[in-house]
Protein backbone atom coordinates (compact mmCIF):
# COMPACT_ATOMS: atom_id res chain seq x y z
CA MET A 1 118.85 -27.37 -28.73
CA ASN A 2 119.01 -24.76 -25.97
CA GLU A 3 120.83 -22.38 -28.34
CA SER A 4 118.09 -22.62 -31.01
CA ARG A 5 115.46 -22.14 -28.31
CA ASN A 6 117.21 -19.01 -27.06
CA THR A 7 117.40 -17.67 -30.62
CA LEU A 8 113.68 -18.31 -31.10
CA GLN A 9 112.91 -16.53 -27.86
CA LYS A 10 114.97 -13.52 -28.94
CA VAL A 11 113.18 -13.36 -32.29
CA GLU A 12 109.77 -13.59 -30.62
CA ALA A 13 110.76 -10.93 -28.10
CA GLY A 14 111.76 -8.55 -30.91
CA LEU A 15 108.65 -9.10 -33.00
CA PRO A 16 106.44 -6.52 -31.18
CA GLY A 17 109.06 -3.79 -31.69
CA ARG A 18 109.51 -4.67 -35.36
CA ARG A 19 105.76 -4.65 -35.92
CA ARG A 20 105.47 -1.36 -34.06
CA ARG A 21 108.18 0.22 -36.23
CA GLU A 22 106.54 -1.16 -39.36
CA THR A 23 103.20 0.32 -38.29
CA MET A 24 104.83 3.69 -37.59
CA PHE A 25 106.50 3.63 -41.01
CA LYS A 26 103.16 2.90 -42.72
CA LEU A 27 101.47 5.69 -40.78
CA ALA A 28 104.25 8.13 -41.72
CA GLY A 29 103.84 7.23 -45.39
CA LEU A 30 100.07 7.59 -45.14
CA LEU A 31 100.45 10.95 -43.41
CA ALA A 32 102.87 12.21 -46.06
CA THR A 33 100.52 11.11 -48.84
CA THR A 34 97.54 12.74 -47.11
CA VAL A 35 99.39 16.03 -46.60
CA GLY A 36 100.43 16.05 -50.27
CA ILE A 37 96.86 15.40 -51.43
CA VAL A 38 95.50 18.12 -49.13
CA PHE A 39 98.00 20.70 -50.39
CA LEU A 40 97.26 19.69 -53.99
CA GLY A 41 93.53 20.01 -53.32
CA VAL A 42 93.98 23.44 -51.76
CA PHE A 43 96.05 24.53 -54.75
CA PHE A 44 93.47 23.38 -57.30
CA ALA A 45 90.58 24.78 -55.27
CA ASP A 46 92.24 28.19 -55.00
CA LEU A 47 93.18 28.13 -58.69
CA ILE A 48 89.66 27.25 -59.82
CA ALA A 49 88.10 29.79 -57.46
CA LYS A 50 90.28 32.57 -58.89
CA GLY A 51 90.22 31.54 -62.54
CA SER A 52 86.72 30.19 -63.16
CA SER A 53 85.26 33.69 -63.37
CA ALA A 54 87.50 34.47 -66.35
CA PHE A 55 85.53 32.04 -68.49
CA VAL A 56 82.56 34.42 -68.39
CA GLN A 57 82.54 38.08 -69.39
CA THR A 58 80.10 40.88 -68.66
CA GLN A 59 78.27 42.12 -71.75
CA VAL A 60 76.19 45.29 -72.26
CA ARG A 61 73.18 45.37 -74.59
CA LEU A 62 73.05 48.48 -76.77
CA ASP A 63 70.70 49.53 -79.55
CA VAL A 64 73.27 50.64 -82.11
CA GLU A 65 72.28 52.63 -85.19
CA PHE A 66 74.63 51.98 -88.09
CA ASP A 67 74.37 55.56 -89.26
CA ALA A 68 75.05 55.89 -92.97
CA GLN A 69 76.33 59.45 -92.46
CA VAL A 70 79.08 58.09 -90.21
CA ILE A 71 79.96 54.86 -92.00
CA ALA A 72 79.27 55.78 -95.63
CA PRO A 73 79.38 59.56 -96.10
CA GLY A 74 78.61 60.46 -99.68
CA GLY A 75 77.15 57.02 -100.35
CA GLU A 76 80.44 55.09 -100.26
CA MET A 77 81.41 52.99 -97.25
CA ASP A 78 84.58 54.24 -95.60
CA ILE A 79 85.56 51.70 -92.94
CA ALA A 80 89.03 53.13 -92.31
CA TYR A 81 87.72 56.53 -91.24
CA ALA A 82 84.31 55.63 -89.83
CA ASP A 83 83.81 56.58 -86.18
CA PHE A 84 82.46 53.32 -84.76
CA ASP A 85 83.32 54.43 -81.23
CA GLY A 86 81.05 57.39 -81.84
CA LEU A 87 78.20 54.99 -82.65
CA VAL A 88 78.76 53.22 -79.32
CA ARG A 89 78.83 56.50 -77.43
CA ALA A 90 75.63 57.63 -79.14
CA SER A 91 73.94 54.40 -78.04
CA LEU A 92 75.04 54.96 -74.44
CA ARG A 93 73.70 58.51 -74.51
CA GLY A 94 70.42 57.09 -75.76
CA VAL A 95 70.23 54.77 -72.75
CA PHE A 96 71.07 57.59 -70.29
CA PRO A 97 69.75 60.81 -71.92
CA ASP A 98 69.96 62.73 -68.63
CA VAL A 99 73.75 62.50 -68.53
CA SER A 100 75.27 65.87 -69.42
CA GLY A 101 78.62 67.50 -69.05
CA ARG A 102 81.92 66.40 -70.50
CA ASN A 103 83.22 64.63 -67.37
CA GLU A 104 80.00 62.69 -66.79
CA ARG A 105 79.89 61.55 -70.38
CA ARG A 106 83.49 60.40 -70.19
CA GLU A 107 82.63 58.30 -67.16
CA LEU A 108 79.62 56.91 -69.01
CA TYR A 109 81.70 55.95 -72.05
CA ARG A 110 84.16 54.06 -69.81
CA LEU A 111 81.47 51.49 -68.99
CA VAL A 112 81.99 49.84 -72.37
CA SER A 113 85.19 48.25 -73.66
CA VAL A 114 87.20 49.91 -76.39
CA GLY A 115 86.68 46.69 -78.32
CA ALA A 116 83.01 47.54 -78.92
CA GLY A 117 83.93 49.78 -81.84
CA TYR A 118 85.98 47.00 -83.46
CA GLN A 119 83.05 44.64 -83.00
CA LEU A 120 80.76 47.01 -84.90
CA ARG A 121 83.35 47.39 -87.65
CA ASP A 122 83.63 43.61 -88.09
CA MET A 123 79.86 43.31 -88.21
CA ILE A 124 79.41 45.88 -90.97
CA VAL A 125 82.27 44.39 -92.97
CA ALA A 126 80.70 40.92 -92.70
CA ASP A 127 77.21 42.19 -93.56
CA PRO A 128 77.02 45.56 -95.41
CA ASN A 129 73.22 45.29 -95.35
CA LEU A 130 73.33 46.47 -91.72
CA LEU A 131 74.04 49.98 -92.98
CA GLY A 132 71.22 52.31 -91.98
CA THR A 133 69.61 49.84 -89.56
CA THR A 134 69.40 49.74 -85.78
CA GLN A 135 70.53 46.51 -84.13
CA ALA A 136 70.46 45.25 -80.54
CA ILE A 137 74.05 44.17 -79.92
CA TRP A 138 75.81 42.73 -76.90
CA VAL A 139 79.21 44.41 -76.54
CA PRO A 140 81.91 43.72 -73.92
CA ALA A 141 81.86 45.83 -70.80
CA ALA A 142 84.99 47.45 -69.46
CA SER A 143 87.14 45.36 -67.13
CA THR A 144 86.24 47.52 -64.12
CA VAL A 145 82.54 46.92 -64.75
CA ASP A 146 83.22 43.22 -65.17
CA MET A 147 85.06 43.12 -61.84
CA TYR A 148 82.19 44.94 -60.12
CA VAL A 149 79.56 42.58 -61.52
CA LYS A 150 81.62 39.57 -60.41
CA GLY A 151 81.84 40.95 -56.88
CA ASN A 152 85.54 41.87 -56.92
CA ILE A 153 84.91 45.59 -56.27
CA ASP A 154 83.35 46.63 -52.97
CA ALA A 155 80.80 49.37 -53.59
CA SER A 156 80.76 50.24 -49.88
CA LEU A 157 84.30 51.61 -50.06
CA ASP A 158 84.96 55.29 -50.42
CA GLU A 159 84.77 56.48 -54.02
CA SER A 160 88.46 57.39 -54.01
CA LEU A 161 89.41 53.80 -53.11
CA ARG A 162 87.74 52.03 -56.02
CA PRO A 163 88.05 52.29 -59.82
CA LEU A 164 84.34 52.96 -60.35
CA SER A 165 82.67 56.17 -59.27
CA ASP A 166 79.29 56.33 -57.56
CA ALA A 167 77.67 57.50 -60.80
CA GLN A 168 79.18 54.62 -62.77
CA ILE A 169 77.96 52.10 -60.20
CA ALA A 170 74.49 53.60 -60.39
CA TRP A 171 74.51 53.31 -64.20
CA VAL A 172 75.70 49.68 -64.02
CA ASP A 173 72.95 48.83 -61.54
CA ALA A 174 70.39 50.51 -63.79
CA LEU A 175 71.59 48.48 -66.80
CA ARG A 176 71.42 45.27 -64.79
CA ALA A 177 67.91 46.07 -63.51
CA ALA A 178 66.71 46.71 -67.07
CA GLY A 179 68.15 43.40 -68.28
CA ASN A 180 70.71 45.14 -70.47
CA LEU A 181 73.71 43.75 -68.62
CA GLN A 182 74.59 40.09 -68.09
CA THR A 183 77.50 37.66 -68.02
CA GLN A 184 78.10 35.38 -70.99
CA PHE A 185 80.67 32.80 -71.97
CA ASN A 186 83.96 34.58 -72.62
CA SER A 187 84.70 33.42 -76.16
CA ALA A 188 87.31 36.19 -76.50
CA LEU A 189 89.55 34.30 -74.08
CA PHE A 190 90.00 31.58 -76.71
CA SER A 191 89.61 33.61 -79.92
CA ASN A 192 91.72 36.72 -79.25
CA GLY A 193 95.42 37.35 -78.92
CA ASP A 194 96.98 39.36 -76.12
CA SER A 195 95.76 42.87 -75.35
CA ARG A 196 96.46 45.73 -72.96
CA ASP A 197 92.74 45.70 -72.11
CA PRO A 198 91.91 42.71 -69.87
CA GLU A 199 88.41 42.24 -71.27
CA LEU A 200 89.87 41.77 -74.77
CA ALA A 201 92.90 39.66 -73.84
CA GLY A 202 92.91 36.05 -74.99
CA ILE A 203 95.20 33.04 -75.17
CA ARG A 204 94.74 32.07 -78.81
CA GLY A 205 98.05 33.61 -79.88
CA ALA A 206 99.89 31.81 -77.08
CA LEU A 207 98.13 28.53 -77.88
CA MET A 208 99.08 28.73 -81.55
CA GLY A 209 102.65 29.65 -80.63
CA SER A 210 102.89 26.62 -78.34
CA PHE A 211 101.31 24.45 -81.04
CA TYR A 212 103.86 25.44 -83.69
CA MET A 213 106.72 25.00 -81.24
CA LEU A 214 105.59 21.51 -80.26
CA ILE A 215 105.35 20.52 -83.94
CA VAL A 216 108.97 21.60 -84.50
CA THR A 217 110.02 19.87 -81.29
CA VAL A 218 108.42 16.51 -82.01
CA MET A 219 109.54 16.52 -85.68
CA LEU A 220 113.17 16.97 -84.58
CA ALA A 221 113.48 15.39 -81.16
CA PHE A 222 111.54 12.15 -81.76
CA PRO A 223 113.40 10.76 -84.81
CA ILE A 224 116.81 11.95 -83.57
CA GLY A 225 116.21 10.64 -80.05
CA VAL A 226 114.95 7.24 -81.23
CA ALA A 227 117.81 6.89 -83.72
CA ALA A 228 120.38 7.76 -81.03
CA ALA A 229 118.82 5.29 -78.59
CA ILE A 230 118.84 2.49 -81.19
CA TYR A 231 122.46 3.12 -82.08
CA LEU A 232 123.66 3.29 -78.47
CA GLU A 233 121.79 0.14 -77.44
CA GLU A 234 122.12 -2.06 -80.50
CA PHE A 235 125.10 -1.00 -82.58
CA ALA A 236 127.55 1.14 -80.57
CA PRO A 237 130.65 -0.67 -79.29
CA ARG A 238 131.08 -0.76 -75.53
CA ASN A 239 134.11 1.43 -74.93
CA ARG A 240 135.05 4.61 -73.13
CA TRP A 241 133.57 6.80 -75.89
CA SER A 242 130.12 5.24 -75.64
CA ASP A 243 130.35 5.49 -71.85
CA LEU A 244 131.25 9.17 -72.16
CA ILE A 245 128.28 9.79 -74.47
CA GLU A 246 125.94 8.00 -72.07
CA VAL A 247 127.17 10.03 -69.09
CA ASN A 248 126.73 13.28 -71.02
CA ILE A 249 123.18 12.36 -72.09
CA ASN A 250 122.26 11.68 -68.46
CA ASN A 251 123.85 14.96 -67.40
CA LEU A 252 122.04 16.92 -70.11
CA ALA A 253 118.71 15.63 -68.80
CA ALA A 254 119.47 17.37 -65.49
CA VAL A 255 120.77 20.66 -66.90
CA PRO A 256 118.57 23.69 -65.97
CA SER A 257 116.32 24.66 -68.83
CA ILE A 258 117.56 28.24 -68.93
CA VAL A 259 120.96 26.95 -70.09
CA PHE A 260 119.31 25.62 -73.25
CA GLY A 261 117.79 29.07 -73.72
CA LEU A 262 121.25 30.65 -73.56
CA LEU A 263 122.49 28.07 -76.06
CA GLY A 264 119.60 28.84 -78.40
CA LEU A 265 120.26 32.58 -78.08
CA ALA A 266 123.94 32.14 -78.94
CA VAL A 267 123.54 29.62 -81.77
CA PHE A 268 120.15 30.04 -83.43
CA ILE A 269 119.72 33.81 -83.07
CA ASN A 270 123.20 35.36 -82.83
CA TRP A 271 125.02 32.92 -85.13
CA VAL A 272 122.41 31.48 -87.53
CA ALA A 273 120.44 34.78 -87.45
CA LEU A 274 116.99 33.19 -87.14
CA PRO A 275 114.16 35.60 -86.20
CA ARG A 276 113.67 36.33 -82.52
CA SER A 277 110.43 35.40 -80.80
CA ALA A 278 109.56 32.85 -83.52
CA PRO A 279 108.07 29.39 -82.91
CA LEU A 280 110.82 27.93 -85.11
CA VAL A 281 113.55 29.05 -82.71
CA GLY A 282 111.45 28.06 -79.70
CA GLY A 283 110.93 24.60 -81.18
CA LEU A 284 114.66 24.19 -81.81
CA VAL A 285 115.46 25.15 -78.22
CA LEU A 286 112.79 22.84 -76.82
CA SER A 287 114.13 20.04 -79.05
CA LEU A 288 117.50 20.33 -77.33
CA LEU A 289 115.71 20.31 -73.99
CA THR A 290 113.62 17.19 -74.63
CA LEU A 291 116.17 15.19 -76.63
CA PRO A 292 117.95 13.68 -73.57
CA VAL A 293 114.60 12.70 -72.04
CA ILE A 294 113.50 10.92 -75.22
CA ILE A 295 116.86 9.14 -75.59
CA ILE A 296 116.79 7.86 -72.01
CA ALA A 297 113.17 6.71 -72.27
CA SER A 298 113.80 5.04 -75.64
CA ARG A 299 116.87 3.21 -74.35
CA ALA A 300 114.89 1.96 -71.37
CA ALA A 301 112.16 0.72 -73.72
CA ILE A 302 114.71 -1.11 -75.89
CA LYS A 303 116.31 -2.72 -72.82
CA ALA A 304 112.87 -3.96 -71.73
CA VAL A 305 112.57 -6.14 -74.86
CA PRO A 306 113.51 -9.72 -73.81
CA PRO A 307 116.82 -11.02 -75.23
CA SER A 308 115.00 -14.13 -76.42
CA ILE A 309 113.31 -12.03 -79.15
CA ARG A 310 116.70 -11.06 -80.56
CA GLU A 311 118.10 -14.57 -80.22
CA ALA A 312 115.10 -16.14 -81.95
CA ALA A 313 115.30 -13.71 -84.87
CA LEU A 314 119.05 -14.20 -85.24
CA GLY A 315 118.58 -17.96 -85.06
CA LEU A 316 116.18 -17.78 -88.01
CA GLY A 317 118.79 -15.98 -90.11
CA ALA A 318 117.75 -12.33 -89.67
CA SER A 319 120.42 -9.69 -89.90
CA GLN A 320 121.14 -7.28 -87.05
CA MET A 321 119.30 -4.54 -88.91
CA GLN A 322 116.25 -6.78 -89.45
CA VAL A 323 116.24 -7.80 -85.79
CA VAL A 324 116.18 -4.17 -84.68
CA PHE A 325 113.63 -2.77 -87.13
CA HIS A 326 111.36 -5.81 -87.52
CA HIS A 327 111.26 -7.07 -83.93
CA VAL A 328 112.88 -4.85 -81.30
CA LEU A 329 111.63 -1.44 -82.48
CA PRO A 330 107.91 -2.40 -82.80
CA LEU A 331 107.96 -3.89 -79.30
CA ALA A 332 109.79 -0.90 -77.80
CA LEU A 333 107.65 1.69 -79.60
CA PRO A 334 105.00 2.06 -76.82
CA GLY A 335 107.68 2.99 -74.30
CA MET A 336 109.29 5.36 -76.78
CA LEU A 337 106.00 7.10 -77.47
CA THR A 338 105.30 7.39 -73.76
CA GLY A 339 108.69 8.98 -73.13
CA THR A 340 108.17 11.34 -76.06
CA ILE A 341 104.77 12.51 -74.79
CA ILE A 342 106.20 13.09 -71.32
CA GLY A 343 109.05 15.07 -72.91
CA MET A 344 106.52 17.13 -74.88
CA SER A 345 104.61 17.79 -71.66
CA ARG A 346 107.77 19.17 -70.09
CA ALA A 347 108.42 21.30 -73.18
CA LEU A 348 104.86 22.66 -73.11
CA GLY A 349 105.31 23.92 -69.57
CA GLU A 350 108.73 25.53 -70.02
CA SER A 351 109.10 29.29 -69.97
CA ALA A 352 112.71 30.04 -68.91
CA PRO A 353 114.41 29.08 -72.22
CA LEU A 354 111.75 30.95 -74.20
CA LEU A 355 112.40 34.13 -72.22
CA MET A 356 116.02 34.01 -73.34
CA ILE A 357 115.13 33.94 -77.06
CA GLY A 358 112.75 36.90 -76.89
CA MET A 359 109.37 35.16 -76.73
CA VAL A 360 108.42 37.40 -73.82
CA ALA A 361 107.47 40.16 -76.26
CA PHE A 362 103.95 41.60 -76.29
CA ILE A 363 102.33 39.91 -79.33
CA VAL A 364 98.81 40.94 -80.32
CA ASP A 365 98.41 39.12 -83.64
CA VAL A 366 97.84 35.38 -83.75
CA PRO A 367 100.85 33.71 -85.46
CA GLY A 368 100.10 32.14 -88.83
CA GLY A 369 103.35 30.23 -89.32
CA PHE A 370 106.60 29.02 -87.81
CA SER A 371 108.48 32.28 -88.44
CA ASP A 372 105.83 34.75 -87.27
CA PRO A 373 106.37 36.54 -83.94
CA ALA A 374 104.68 34.57 -81.19
CA THR A 375 104.66 33.76 -77.54
CA ALA A 376 103.85 30.58 -75.62
CA LEU A 377 101.22 29.77 -73.04
CA PRO A 378 103.63 29.65 -70.03
CA VAL A 379 105.16 32.96 -71.12
CA GLN A 380 101.68 34.46 -71.53
CA ILE A 381 100.91 33.40 -67.95
CA TYR A 382 104.13 35.08 -66.83
CA LEU A 383 103.21 38.33 -68.62
CA TRP A 384 99.70 38.43 -67.19
CA ALA A 385 100.89 37.61 -63.68
CA ASP A 386 103.17 40.64 -63.85
CA SER A 387 100.28 42.96 -64.77
CA PRO A 388 98.82 45.11 -61.96
CA GLU A 389 95.19 45.01 -63.15
CA ARG A 390 92.87 42.83 -61.06
CA ALA A 391 91.18 41.50 -64.20
CA PHE A 392 94.48 40.03 -65.43
CA ALA A 393 94.80 38.05 -62.18
CA GLU A 394 91.75 35.95 -62.99
CA ARG A 395 92.92 35.50 -66.57
CA THR A 396 96.28 34.30 -65.25
CA SER A 397 94.52 31.62 -63.23
CA ALA A 398 92.33 30.72 -66.20
CA ALA A 399 95.39 30.32 -68.45
CA ILE A 400 97.00 28.10 -65.81
CA ILE A 401 93.86 25.95 -65.75
CA VAL A 402 94.03 25.59 -69.55
CA LEU A 403 97.74 24.72 -69.40
CA LEU A 404 97.19 22.14 -66.68
CA GLY A 405 94.35 20.70 -68.74
CA PHE A 406 96.64 20.21 -71.73
CA LEU A 407 99.33 18.65 -69.52
CA LEU A 408 96.77 16.32 -67.97
CA VAL A 409 95.53 15.25 -71.40
CA MET A 410 99.06 14.60 -72.65
CA ASN A 411 100.02 12.54 -69.61
CA LEU A 412 96.74 10.65 -69.80
CA ALA A 413 97.47 9.91 -73.46
CA ALA A 414 100.88 8.54 -72.46
CA VAL A 415 99.27 6.20 -69.92
CA ILE A 416 96.60 5.03 -72.39
CA ILE A 417 99.17 4.36 -75.12
CA ARG A 418 101.31 2.33 -72.75
CA LYS A 419 98.35 0.31 -71.45
CA ARG A 420 96.96 -0.46 -74.90
CA MET A 421 100.23 -1.26 -76.66
CA GLU A 422 102.32 -2.87 -73.96
CA ARG A 423 102.94 -6.61 -73.99
CA LYS A 424 103.58 -8.78 -70.96
CA TRP A 425 106.24 -11.43 -71.22
């Protein structure tokens, strides 16, 4: 009796310390979570602050005369040799007729992007009736003008320390005061491929390259991964060979992604001689990368199916194949799809293996197929981040925002699929 009373007294004496340690542990966990959320918030706030301005672009309004003598000399339209840049320059001289001298005019012409001439060409090709008319057209401003309008160039600095001269700043201010300069939604960011000129650079080529690669990846990795998981869980004998395969699959899931890039370079490009910098090769490499993830997730989904389902089906006379494909696979499919989407999310954000197979090349044209030269969105971000121009910095942040948006959507889709299709036992 005395012994049990002493034990009770010891337990009661230790309770305050245990509760104190439990409280400290909870506070430490809360502090760690708070610090993580704060750092994540700072990251997103800084990213949005730097990249949100890339979704708008400064435009200049010009009254452009589609001069028939320039576009159609002799009465026949000659698009290949027409001087559309000359039409843009003539419009600028019409806005500022007092500008004279070769150097001053060169500075004046630099206010407008080199893409303005291509815009005029596309317009006349789409509508030949514009020939001989004068149209008010909004054309993209040069990246330096765009940076100045967005407040990224300090006009109070000495002229030698900024990319715009005093005369150029005065012309920009005059255009803005007259209502001939404003910021508009930057549709070129989503409709153009890459460019050396920041105001013309877009992510469409990288988006299409990533899209084609993900199609190849999911078409290869999903059926192979699910088939491998079904075999290993339902049909493979339990011996040292199956154990060896399982260990290797788990190890492959932890292999650095650049190793898969080296494998793709050696096998798909050097041996099979597939084209470099093609979405087909990128998809094959990403399939190798995501295959272990899909196999592991699919095996976990199959293991989660209660044994009673298999026993009931076998008891009713179903074969092993019927048990797997009629009962186990439909119930494990939500988990398989979730693992596949998560694997695709990882593949979408990979850049290291793609650098090894040549997808770091400067690609202007938007790819139209699986064998066309292309790049991917993470690689495009890498290329822009390495560029010294200030305008590419905001486009880098904007591309990161788009990439994170796609990753968020894909992970959200995985959660929704699991919630809607899962069954509780």
